[in-house]
N, C-alpha and C. Protein backbone atom coordinates (compact mmCIF):
# COMPACT_ATOMS: atom_id res chain seq x y z
N MET A 1 0.84 -1.17 0.00
CA MET A 1 0.00 0.00 0.00
C MET A 1 0.89 1.24 0.00
N LYS A 2 0.58 2.21 -0.85
CA LYS A 2 1.43 3.39 -1.01
C LYS A 2 1.31 4.35 0.18
N PHE A 3 0.10 4.49 0.76
CA PHE A 3 -0.13 5.39 1.88
C PHE A 3 -0.85 4.63 2.99
N ASN A 4 -0.80 5.15 4.18
CA ASN A 4 -1.47 4.52 5.31
C ASN A 4 -2.97 4.82 5.21
N LEU A 5 -3.73 3.85 4.73
CA LEU A 5 -5.15 4.04 4.49
C LEU A 5 -5.92 4.29 5.77
N SER A 6 -5.50 3.69 6.86
CA SER A 6 -6.23 3.90 8.12
C SER A 6 -6.09 5.35 8.59
N GLU A 7 -4.93 5.96 8.40
CA GLU A 7 -4.76 7.37 8.77
C GLU A 7 -5.57 8.29 7.85
N ILE A 8 -5.58 7.98 6.55
CA ILE A 8 -6.36 8.78 5.60
C ILE A 8 -7.85 8.66 5.93
N THR A 9 -8.30 7.45 6.23
CA THR A 9 -9.70 7.24 6.60
C THR A 9 -10.05 8.02 7.85
N GLU A 10 -9.17 7.98 8.84
CA GLU A 10 -9.42 8.72 10.09
C GLU A 10 -9.49 10.22 9.83
N LEU A 11 -8.60 10.73 9.00
CA LEU A 11 -8.62 12.15 8.65
C LEU A 11 -9.94 12.53 7.99
N ILE A 12 -10.35 11.76 6.99
CA ILE A 12 -11.60 12.04 6.28
C ILE A 12 -12.80 12.00 7.23
N ARG A 13 -12.82 11.02 8.10
CA ARG A 13 -13.96 10.86 8.99
C ARG A 13 -13.95 11.83 10.17
N ASN A 14 -12.85 12.53 10.38
CA ASN A 14 -12.77 13.51 11.47
C ASN A 14 -12.96 14.94 10.99
N ARG A 15 -13.11 15.15 9.68
CA ARG A 15 -13.35 16.51 9.18
C ARG A 15 -14.69 16.97 9.72
N ARG A 16 -14.71 18.20 10.28
CA ARG A 16 -15.92 18.72 10.89
C ARG A 16 -16.09 20.20 10.59
N THR A 17 -17.33 20.63 10.60
CA THR A 17 -17.62 22.05 10.62
C THR A 17 -17.51 22.51 12.06
N ILE A 18 -16.66 23.50 12.28
CA ILE A 18 -16.53 24.13 13.60
C ILE A 18 -16.70 25.62 13.36
N TYR A 19 -17.69 26.20 13.99
CA TYR A 19 -18.08 27.59 13.73
C TYR A 19 -17.15 28.59 14.41
N PRO A 20 -17.02 29.78 13.84
CA PRO A 20 -16.14 30.80 14.43
C PRO A 20 -16.44 31.11 15.89
N GLU A 21 -17.69 30.99 16.31
CA GLU A 21 -18.03 31.21 17.71
C GLU A 21 -17.32 30.23 18.63
N GLN A 22 -16.81 29.14 18.05
CA GLN A 22 -16.16 28.08 18.82
C GLN A 22 -14.64 28.13 18.69
N TYR A 23 -14.10 29.24 18.17
CA TYR A 23 -12.65 29.36 18.00
C TYR A 23 -12.01 30.04 19.20
N SER A 24 -10.78 29.66 19.47
CA SER A 24 -10.00 30.31 20.53
C SER A 24 -9.26 31.51 19.93
N SER A 25 -8.49 32.19 20.74
CA SER A 25 -7.71 33.34 20.28
C SER A 25 -6.38 32.93 19.63
N ARG A 26 -6.05 31.66 19.66
CA ARG A 26 -4.80 31.18 19.05
C ARG A 26 -4.82 31.44 17.55
N LYS A 27 -3.75 32.02 17.04
CA LYS A 27 -3.66 32.40 15.62
C LYS A 27 -3.19 31.24 14.75
N VAL A 28 -3.80 31.12 13.59
CA VAL A 28 -3.30 30.22 12.54
C VAL A 28 -2.18 30.98 11.85
N GLN A 29 -1.05 30.32 11.71
CA GLN A 29 0.14 30.99 11.17
C GLN A 29 0.10 31.04 9.63
N LYS A 30 0.79 32.03 9.09
CA LYS A 30 0.80 32.24 7.65
C LYS A 30 1.34 31.01 6.90
N ASP A 31 2.39 30.37 7.42
CA ASP A 31 2.93 29.19 6.73
C ASP A 31 1.92 28.04 6.73
N GLN A 32 1.07 27.95 7.75
CA GLN A 32 0.03 26.93 7.76
C GLN A 32 -1.02 27.22 6.68
N ILE A 33 -1.38 28.48 6.56
CA ILE A 33 -2.36 28.87 5.53
C ILE A 33 -1.80 28.58 4.14
N GLU A 34 -0.54 28.87 3.94
CA GLU A 34 0.09 28.58 2.65
C GLU A 34 0.07 27.08 2.36
N MET A 35 0.29 26.26 3.39
CA MET A 35 0.23 24.80 3.20
C MET A 35 -1.19 24.37 2.82
N LEU A 36 -2.20 24.94 3.50
CA LEU A 36 -3.59 24.60 3.17
C LEU A 36 -3.89 24.95 1.72
N LEU A 37 -3.45 26.12 1.28
CA LEU A 37 -3.71 26.55 -0.09
C LEU A 37 -2.93 25.71 -1.09
N ASN A 38 -1.70 25.35 -0.76
CA ASN A 38 -0.92 24.49 -1.65
C ASN A 38 -1.55 23.12 -1.79
N ASN A 39 -2.17 22.62 -0.74
CA ASN A 39 -2.89 21.35 -0.86
C ASN A 39 -4.19 21.52 -1.62
N ALA A 40 -4.83 22.65 -1.45
CA ALA A 40 -6.10 22.91 -2.15
C ALA A 40 -5.92 22.84 -3.67
N ILE A 41 -4.82 23.38 -4.17
CA ILE A 41 -4.65 23.48 -5.62
C ILE A 41 -4.32 22.15 -6.30
N TRP A 42 -4.20 21.10 -5.50
CA TRP A 42 -3.98 19.77 -6.09
C TRP A 42 -5.28 19.01 -6.29
N ALA A 43 -6.38 19.72 -6.27
CA ALA A 43 -7.68 19.11 -6.56
C ALA A 43 -7.75 18.74 -8.03
N PRO A 44 -8.64 17.80 -8.38
CA PRO A 44 -8.82 17.46 -9.80
C PRO A 44 -9.36 18.67 -10.57
N THR A 45 -8.89 18.82 -11.79
CA THR A 45 -9.33 19.92 -12.63
C THR A 45 -9.36 19.47 -14.08
N HIS A 46 -10.56 19.39 -14.64
CA HIS A 46 -10.75 18.96 -16.02
C HIS A 46 -10.07 19.96 -16.95
N GLY A 47 -9.26 19.46 -17.87
CA GLY A 47 -8.55 20.33 -18.80
C GLY A 47 -7.43 21.12 -18.14
N ASN A 48 -7.13 20.81 -16.88
CA ASN A 48 -6.09 21.50 -16.11
C ASN A 48 -6.28 23.02 -16.13
N THR A 49 -7.53 23.47 -16.08
CA THR A 49 -7.81 24.91 -16.08
C THR A 49 -7.48 25.57 -14.75
N GLN A 50 -7.42 24.78 -13.67
CA GLN A 50 -7.10 25.28 -12.33
C GLN A 50 -7.90 26.55 -12.02
N PRO A 51 -9.22 26.43 -11.92
CA PRO A 51 -10.08 27.61 -11.82
C PRO A 51 -10.15 28.28 -10.46
N TRP A 52 -9.52 27.70 -9.44
CA TRP A 52 -9.63 28.23 -8.08
C TRP A 52 -8.82 29.52 -7.92
N ARG A 53 -9.39 30.42 -7.14
CA ARG A 53 -8.71 31.66 -6.75
C ARG A 53 -9.01 31.89 -5.27
N PHE A 54 -8.05 32.45 -4.56
CA PHE A 54 -8.17 32.62 -3.12
C PHE A 54 -7.91 34.08 -2.74
N THR A 55 -8.77 34.63 -1.93
CA THR A 55 -8.54 35.94 -1.34
C THR A 55 -8.46 35.71 0.16
N VAL A 56 -7.29 35.98 0.74
CA VAL A 56 -7.03 35.66 2.15
C VAL A 56 -7.19 36.92 3.00
N PHE A 57 -8.13 36.88 3.91
CA PHE A 57 -8.34 37.97 4.86
C PHE A 57 -7.64 37.57 6.16
N TYR A 58 -6.40 38.01 6.31
CA TYR A 58 -5.55 37.56 7.41
C TYR A 58 -5.38 38.62 8.48
N SER A 59 -5.20 39.86 8.06
CA SER A 59 -4.98 40.91 9.06
C SER A 59 -6.29 41.27 9.76
N ASP A 60 -6.17 41.85 10.93
CA ASP A 60 -7.36 42.30 11.65
C ASP A 60 -8.14 43.30 10.81
N GLU A 61 -7.42 44.18 10.12
CA GLU A 61 -8.06 45.21 9.30
C GLU A 61 -8.84 44.60 8.14
N SER A 62 -8.26 43.60 7.49
CA SER A 62 -8.95 43.01 6.33
C SER A 62 -10.17 42.22 6.77
N ARG A 63 -10.10 41.55 7.93
CA ARG A 63 -11.26 40.82 8.42
C ARG A 63 -12.36 41.78 8.87
N GLN A 64 -11.96 42.94 9.39
CA GLN A 64 -12.94 43.97 9.73
C GLN A 64 -13.61 44.51 8.46
N GLU A 65 -12.81 44.69 7.41
CA GLU A 65 -13.35 45.16 6.13
C GLU A 65 -14.37 44.15 5.57
N LEU A 66 -14.05 42.86 5.68
CA LEU A 66 -14.98 41.82 5.24
C LEU A 66 -16.26 41.87 6.07
N SER A 67 -16.12 42.00 7.37
CA SER A 67 -17.26 42.10 8.27
C SER A 67 -18.16 43.28 7.89
N ASP A 68 -17.55 44.43 7.68
CA ASP A 68 -18.30 45.64 7.30
C ASP A 68 -19.02 45.44 5.97
N PHE A 69 -18.31 44.87 5.01
CA PHE A 69 -18.89 44.66 3.68
C PHE A 69 -20.08 43.70 3.73
N MET A 70 -19.89 42.55 4.37
CA MET A 70 -20.94 41.53 4.40
C MET A 70 -22.19 42.03 5.14
N SER A 71 -22.00 42.73 6.23
CA SER A 71 -23.16 43.22 6.99
C SER A 71 -23.88 44.32 6.21
N ALA A 72 -23.14 45.20 5.54
CA ALA A 72 -23.77 46.25 4.73
C ALA A 72 -24.51 45.62 3.55
N LEU A 73 -23.92 44.61 2.93
CA LEU A 73 -24.56 43.94 1.79
C LEU A 73 -25.85 43.25 2.25
N TYR A 74 -25.82 42.65 3.42
CA TYR A 74 -27.02 42.01 3.97
C TYR A 74 -28.15 43.03 4.13
N LEU A 75 -27.83 44.18 4.71
CA LEU A 75 -28.85 45.21 4.93
C LEU A 75 -29.37 45.78 3.62
N GLU A 76 -28.50 45.80 2.60
CA GLU A 76 -28.90 46.33 1.29
C GLU A 76 -29.74 45.32 0.49
N LYS A 77 -29.36 44.04 0.52
CA LYS A 77 -29.95 43.04 -0.36
C LYS A 77 -31.17 42.32 0.22
N ILE A 78 -31.21 42.16 1.52
CA ILE A 78 -32.29 41.39 2.13
C ILE A 78 -33.42 42.36 2.52
N PRO A 79 -34.62 42.08 2.06
CA PRO A 79 -35.74 42.95 2.42
C PRO A 79 -35.87 43.11 3.93
N LYS A 80 -36.20 44.29 4.36
CA LYS A 80 -36.27 44.63 5.80
C LYS A 80 -37.09 43.60 6.58
N GLU A 81 -38.22 43.19 6.03
CA GLU A 81 -39.10 42.25 6.74
C GLU A 81 -38.50 40.85 6.86
N GLU A 82 -37.47 40.54 6.07
CA GLU A 82 -36.82 39.22 6.13
C GLU A 82 -35.52 39.24 6.93
N GLN A 83 -35.06 40.41 7.30
CA GLN A 83 -33.80 40.52 8.04
C GLN A 83 -33.94 39.96 9.45
N LYS A 84 -32.86 39.32 9.90
CA LYS A 84 -32.83 38.75 11.24
C LYS A 84 -31.61 39.28 11.97
N ASP A 85 -31.82 39.75 13.18
CA ASP A 85 -30.71 40.28 13.98
C ASP A 85 -29.61 39.25 14.18
N SER A 86 -30.00 37.98 14.36
CA SER A 86 -29.02 36.92 14.60
C SER A 86 -28.13 36.72 13.37
N LYS A 87 -28.71 36.78 12.18
CA LYS A 87 -27.93 36.62 10.94
C LYS A 87 -26.97 37.79 10.76
N LEU A 88 -27.47 39.00 10.98
CA LEU A 88 -26.62 40.19 10.87
C LEU A 88 -25.47 40.12 11.87
N ALA A 89 -25.76 39.67 13.08
CA ALA A 89 -24.72 39.56 14.11
C ALA A 89 -23.62 38.60 13.68
N LYS A 90 -24.00 37.49 13.06
CA LYS A 90 -22.99 36.52 12.59
C LYS A 90 -22.12 37.12 11.50
N LEU A 91 -22.74 37.85 10.57
CA LEU A 91 -21.96 38.49 9.50
C LEU A 91 -20.98 39.51 10.07
N LEU A 92 -21.37 40.17 11.13
CA LEU A 92 -20.51 41.17 11.77
C LEU A 92 -19.38 40.54 12.57
N THR A 93 -19.68 39.45 13.29
CA THR A 93 -18.71 38.93 14.25
C THR A 93 -17.84 37.78 13.74
N ARG A 94 -18.36 36.96 12.84
CA ARG A 94 -17.59 35.77 12.45
C ARG A 94 -16.22 36.07 11.83
N PRO A 95 -16.10 37.07 10.96
CA PRO A 95 -14.74 37.34 10.45
C PRO A 95 -13.76 37.72 11.56
N LYS A 96 -14.25 38.42 12.58
CA LYS A 96 -13.38 38.86 13.67
C LYS A 96 -13.10 37.74 14.67
N GLN A 97 -13.98 36.76 14.74
CA GLN A 97 -13.78 35.61 15.63
C GLN A 97 -12.81 34.61 15.02
N SER A 98 -12.59 34.71 13.72
CA SER A 98 -11.74 33.77 13.00
C SER A 98 -10.31 34.28 12.97
N SER A 99 -9.39 33.34 12.88
CA SER A 99 -7.98 33.71 12.72
C SER A 99 -7.72 34.19 11.30
N VAL A 100 -8.45 33.59 10.36
CA VAL A 100 -8.33 33.93 8.95
C VAL A 100 -9.62 33.54 8.25
N VAL A 101 -9.97 34.29 7.19
CA VAL A 101 -11.10 33.93 6.34
C VAL A 101 -10.58 33.91 4.91
N ILE A 102 -10.91 32.86 4.19
CA ILE A 102 -10.47 32.73 2.80
C ILE A 102 -11.70 32.69 1.90
N ALA A 103 -11.79 33.68 1.02
CA ALA A 103 -12.84 33.65 -0.01
C ALA A 103 -12.30 32.78 -1.14
N VAL A 104 -13.04 31.71 -1.46
CA VAL A 104 -12.62 30.78 -2.52
C VAL A 104 -13.54 31.01 -3.71
N SER A 105 -12.92 31.33 -4.84
CA SER A 105 -13.68 31.70 -6.03
C SER A 105 -13.29 30.85 -7.23
N MET A 106 -14.20 30.84 -8.21
CA MET A 106 -13.94 30.17 -9.48
C MET A 106 -13.64 31.24 -10.53
N LYS A 107 -12.48 31.13 -11.14
CA LYS A 107 -12.09 31.99 -12.26
C LYS A 107 -12.51 31.27 -13.53
N ARG A 108 -13.46 31.85 -14.24
CA ARG A 108 -13.97 31.22 -15.47
C ARG A 108 -12.93 31.33 -16.58
N ASP A 109 -12.60 30.19 -17.17
CA ASP A 109 -11.67 30.14 -18.29
C ASP A 109 -12.25 30.95 -19.45
N GLU A 110 -11.43 31.84 -20.02
CA GLU A 110 -11.91 32.72 -21.09
C GLU A 110 -12.44 31.96 -22.29
N THR A 111 -11.85 30.82 -22.60
CA THR A 111 -12.30 30.04 -23.76
C THR A 111 -13.59 29.27 -23.47
N GLU A 112 -13.89 29.11 -22.18
CA GLU A 112 -15.05 28.34 -21.73
C GLU A 112 -15.08 26.94 -22.34
N LYS A 113 -13.89 26.36 -22.54
CA LYS A 113 -13.84 25.01 -23.11
C LYS A 113 -14.35 23.95 -22.13
N ILE A 114 -14.33 24.27 -20.85
CA ILE A 114 -14.85 23.36 -19.83
C ILE A 114 -16.17 23.93 -19.32
N ARG A 115 -17.16 23.07 -19.17
CA ARG A 115 -18.47 23.53 -18.69
C ARG A 115 -18.33 24.15 -17.30
N GLU A 116 -19.15 25.15 -17.04
CA GLU A 116 -19.08 25.87 -15.77
C GLU A 116 -19.27 24.93 -14.58
N ILE A 117 -20.19 23.99 -14.67
CA ILE A 117 -20.44 23.08 -13.55
C ILE A 117 -19.18 22.28 -13.20
N GLU A 118 -18.38 21.94 -14.20
CA GLU A 118 -17.15 21.19 -13.94
C GLU A 118 -16.11 22.06 -13.27
N GLU A 119 -16.11 23.34 -13.59
CA GLU A 119 -15.19 24.27 -12.93
C GLU A 119 -15.61 24.46 -11.47
N ILE A 120 -16.91 24.55 -11.23
CA ILE A 120 -17.43 24.68 -9.87
C ILE A 120 -17.07 23.44 -9.06
N GLU A 121 -17.22 22.27 -9.67
CA GLU A 121 -16.87 21.02 -8.99
C GLU A 121 -15.39 20.97 -8.64
N ALA A 122 -14.54 21.46 -9.53
CA ALA A 122 -13.11 21.49 -9.26
C ALA A 122 -12.80 22.37 -8.05
N VAL A 123 -13.44 23.53 -8.00
CA VAL A 123 -13.21 24.44 -6.87
C VAL A 123 -13.74 23.82 -5.58
N ALA A 124 -14.88 23.13 -5.65
CA ALA A 124 -15.40 22.45 -4.46
C ALA A 124 -14.42 21.40 -3.96
N CYS A 125 -13.78 20.69 -4.89
CA CYS A 125 -12.76 19.71 -4.50
C CYS A 125 -11.57 20.41 -3.84
N ALA A 126 -11.20 21.57 -4.34
CA ALA A 126 -10.11 22.34 -3.73
C ALA A 126 -10.48 22.74 -2.30
N ILE A 127 -11.72 23.14 -2.11
CA ILE A 127 -12.19 23.52 -0.77
C ILE A 127 -12.13 22.30 0.15
N HIS A 128 -12.47 21.14 -0.37
CA HIS A 128 -12.41 19.93 0.46
C HIS A 128 -10.97 19.59 0.81
N ASN A 129 -10.05 19.73 -0.13
CA ASN A 129 -8.63 19.53 0.18
C ASN A 129 -8.20 20.46 1.31
N LEU A 130 -8.65 21.70 1.23
CA LEU A 130 -8.33 22.69 2.26
C LEU A 130 -8.90 22.23 3.61
N ALA A 131 -10.12 21.73 3.60
CA ALA A 131 -10.77 21.27 4.84
C ALA A 131 -10.01 20.11 5.47
N LEU A 132 -9.61 19.15 4.63
CA LEU A 132 -8.87 18.00 5.16
C LEU A 132 -7.52 18.42 5.71
N SER A 133 -6.87 19.36 5.04
CA SER A 133 -5.57 19.84 5.52
C SER A 133 -5.73 20.60 6.84
N ALA A 134 -6.79 21.39 6.96
CA ALA A 134 -7.05 22.08 8.22
C ALA A 134 -7.29 21.06 9.34
N THR A 135 -8.04 20.02 9.04
CA THR A 135 -8.31 18.98 10.03
C THR A 135 -7.00 18.34 10.49
N ALA A 136 -6.09 18.08 9.56
CA ALA A 136 -4.80 17.47 9.91
C ALA A 136 -4.02 18.36 10.88
N TYR A 137 -4.14 19.66 10.76
CA TYR A 137 -3.49 20.61 11.67
C TYR A 137 -4.23 20.77 12.99
N GLY A 138 -5.48 20.29 13.05
CA GLY A 138 -6.30 20.53 14.23
C GLY A 138 -6.94 21.91 14.21
N ILE A 139 -7.07 22.47 13.00
CA ILE A 139 -7.66 23.80 12.83
C ILE A 139 -9.14 23.64 12.51
N GLY A 140 -9.97 24.40 13.20
CA GLY A 140 -11.40 24.41 12.94
C GLY A 140 -11.70 25.09 11.62
N TYR A 141 -12.77 24.66 10.98
CA TYR A 141 -13.06 25.04 9.60
C TYR A 141 -14.56 25.17 9.41
N TYR A 142 -14.97 26.24 8.74
CA TYR A 142 -16.39 26.42 8.42
C TYR A 142 -16.49 27.02 7.03
N TRP A 143 -17.18 26.30 6.12
CA TRP A 143 -17.39 26.74 4.74
C TRP A 143 -18.78 27.37 4.67
N SER A 144 -18.83 28.68 4.55
CA SER A 144 -20.09 29.41 4.50
C SER A 144 -20.45 29.73 3.05
N THR A 145 -21.70 29.43 2.69
CA THR A 145 -22.18 29.70 1.34
C THR A 145 -23.44 30.55 1.38
N SER A 146 -23.36 31.65 2.08
CA SER A 146 -24.48 32.59 2.14
C SER A 146 -24.84 33.04 0.74
N LYS A 147 -26.14 33.27 0.49
CA LYS A 147 -26.55 33.71 -0.85
C LYS A 147 -25.94 35.06 -1.22
N LEU A 148 -25.44 35.80 -0.26
CA LEU A 148 -24.81 37.09 -0.54
C LEU A 148 -23.52 36.95 -1.36
N ILE A 149 -22.89 35.79 -1.25
CA ILE A 149 -21.61 35.63 -1.98
C ILE A 149 -21.81 35.48 -3.48
N TYR A 150 -23.04 35.15 -3.90
CA TYR A 150 -23.30 34.94 -5.32
C TYR A 150 -23.82 36.21 -5.99
N THR A 151 -23.37 37.35 -5.55
CA THR A 151 -23.87 38.63 -6.05
C THR A 151 -22.80 39.37 -6.84
N PRO A 152 -23.21 40.25 -7.75
CA PRO A 152 -22.24 41.10 -8.45
C PRO A 152 -21.43 41.97 -7.48
N GLU A 153 -22.06 42.36 -6.38
CA GLU A 153 -21.35 43.17 -5.38
C GLU A 153 -20.17 42.40 -4.78
N MET A 154 -20.39 41.10 -4.53
CA MET A 154 -19.31 40.27 -3.99
C MET A 154 -18.19 40.15 -5.02
N ASN A 155 -18.56 39.97 -6.29
CA ASN A 155 -17.54 39.90 -7.34
C ASN A 155 -16.69 41.18 -7.36
N ARG A 156 -17.35 42.32 -7.25
CA ARG A 156 -16.60 43.59 -7.25
C ARG A 156 -15.69 43.69 -6.03
N PHE A 157 -16.22 43.30 -4.88
CA PHE A 157 -15.45 43.36 -3.64
C PHE A 157 -14.19 42.50 -3.75
N LEU A 158 -14.31 41.33 -4.38
CA LEU A 158 -13.18 40.41 -4.52
C LEU A 158 -12.37 40.65 -5.80
N GLU A 159 -12.77 41.67 -6.57
CA GLU A 159 -12.10 42.01 -7.83
C GLU A 159 -12.17 40.85 -8.83
N LEU A 160 -13.36 40.25 -8.93
CA LEU A 160 -13.59 39.16 -9.87
C LEU A 160 -14.28 39.70 -11.11
N GLU A 161 -14.15 38.98 -12.21
CA GLU A 161 -14.84 39.33 -13.45
C GLU A 161 -16.30 38.87 -13.36
N ASP A 162 -17.12 39.34 -14.30
CA ASP A 162 -18.55 39.01 -14.28
C ASP A 162 -18.82 37.52 -14.33
N LYS A 163 -18.04 36.76 -15.10
CA LYS A 163 -18.29 35.33 -15.25
C LYS A 163 -17.66 34.49 -14.14
N ASP A 164 -16.89 35.13 -13.29
CA ASP A 164 -16.29 34.43 -12.15
C ASP A 164 -17.34 34.30 -11.05
N MET A 165 -17.02 33.53 -10.01
CA MET A 165 -18.01 33.31 -8.96
C MET A 165 -17.33 32.95 -7.65
N CYS A 166 -17.68 33.65 -6.59
CA CYS A 166 -17.25 33.24 -5.26
C CYS A 166 -18.07 32.02 -4.87
N LEU A 167 -17.40 30.99 -4.37
CA LEU A 167 -18.09 29.75 -4.00
C LEU A 167 -18.10 29.53 -2.49
N GLY A 168 -17.60 30.49 -1.75
CA GLY A 168 -17.71 30.35 -0.30
C GLY A 168 -16.66 31.13 0.44
N LEU A 169 -16.98 31.40 1.69
CA LEU A 169 -16.03 31.96 2.63
C LEU A 169 -15.64 30.83 3.58
N VAL A 170 -14.36 30.58 3.68
CA VAL A 170 -13.86 29.54 4.57
C VAL A 170 -13.27 30.22 5.80
N TYR A 171 -13.90 29.99 6.94
CA TYR A 171 -13.46 30.55 8.21
C TYR A 171 -12.56 29.53 8.90
N LEU A 172 -11.43 29.98 9.43
CA LEU A 172 -10.48 29.08 10.07
C LEU A 172 -10.06 29.62 11.43
N GLY A 173 -9.89 28.71 12.38
CA GLY A 173 -9.40 29.08 13.70
C GLY A 173 -9.23 27.83 14.55
N TYR A 174 -8.38 27.94 15.56
CA TYR A 174 -8.21 26.80 16.46
C TYR A 174 -9.43 26.69 17.37
N PRO A 175 -10.01 25.51 17.52
CA PRO A 175 -11.21 25.36 18.32
C PRO A 175 -10.95 25.57 19.82
N SER A 176 -11.94 26.13 20.47
CA SER A 176 -11.91 26.25 21.93
C SER A 176 -12.77 25.15 22.56
N ILE A 177 -13.29 24.28 21.73
CA ILE A 177 -14.15 23.18 22.18
C ILE A 177 -13.48 21.85 21.86
N GLU A 178 -14.03 20.80 22.44
CA GLU A 178 -13.57 19.45 22.08
C GLU A 178 -13.97 19.18 20.64
N TRP A 179 -13.10 18.48 19.90
CA TRP A 179 -13.38 18.18 18.49
C TRP A 179 -14.71 17.42 18.40
N PRO A 180 -15.66 17.91 17.59
CA PRO A 180 -16.99 17.29 17.53
C PRO A 180 -16.97 15.88 16.93
N LYS A 181 -17.93 15.08 17.37
CA LYS A 181 -18.16 13.75 16.81
C LYS A 181 -19.29 13.84 15.80
N GLN A 182 -19.39 12.89 14.92
CA GLN A 182 -20.45 12.90 13.90
C GLN A 182 -20.69 11.46 13.46
N HIS A 183 -21.72 11.24 12.68
CA HIS A 183 -22.00 9.92 12.12
C HIS A 183 -22.56 10.09 10.71
N ARG A 184 -22.59 9.02 9.98
CA ARG A 184 -23.18 8.98 8.65
C ARG A 184 -24.06 7.74 8.53
N LYS A 185 -25.01 7.79 7.63
CA LYS A 185 -25.82 6.61 7.36
C LYS A 185 -24.93 5.52 6.76
N PRO A 186 -25.19 4.26 7.07
CA PRO A 186 -24.42 3.18 6.44
C PRO A 186 -24.63 3.19 4.92
N ILE A 187 -23.60 2.76 4.19
CA ILE A 187 -23.68 2.80 2.73
C ILE A 187 -24.81 1.93 2.18
N GLU A 188 -25.27 0.95 2.95
CA GLU A 188 -26.36 0.09 2.50
C GLU A 188 -27.62 0.90 2.18
N TYR A 189 -27.80 2.03 2.88
CA TYR A 189 -28.98 2.87 2.67
C TYR A 189 -28.77 3.84 1.51
N LEU A 190 -27.58 3.94 1.00
CA LEU A 190 -27.24 4.98 0.01
C LEU A 190 -26.71 4.42 -1.29
N THR A 191 -26.60 3.12 -1.39
CA THR A 191 -25.91 2.51 -2.54
C THR A 191 -26.81 1.50 -3.23
N ASN A 192 -26.81 1.54 -4.55
CA ASN A 192 -27.56 0.58 -5.34
C ASN A 192 -26.55 -0.20 -6.18
N TRP A 193 -26.36 -1.48 -5.86
CA TRP A 193 -25.43 -2.33 -6.61
C TRP A 193 -26.18 -2.98 -7.76
N LYS A 194 -25.59 -3.02 -8.94
CA LYS A 194 -26.22 -3.65 -10.11
C LYS A 194 -25.32 -4.75 -10.66
């Protein structure tokens, strides 16, 4: 066997969503973030288009800027009668509770030789690589896909082109809680053998 399958299995099965409210003040270091991103870019990519792009909000100032932008966008885009104080509070506080936030986007290939859905899938795989790498470090991870990220305003904020798309904000921080447990349905309930 080329790799230790039991360790890989344990890593995959221990990946968890841990919310920024559950992060400690311990900082994720820049070299760790670079390792996460270097692992992310080894995701499968049809036609080797490598459509992933990363905007790293690492400094206190940049995370505050993200917080200000997301909360203002929420107040602008969501009708007043649908707004929730709890949602607004999360948009305001989560970037500041995190050690780092990474906006992960899809850069659309100019030739469009690969279908958009396949480019989105490639970026999702990159995000999963990032999640597994964070888990290996013991870093908490939360992939947020608020509908606000799929807006032209978000594209402008991230300096993306019209055909590009933000696919999520990844919040990272060391957990202040015990690593969560989880379960999945057995494959017998999810698999059809022919």
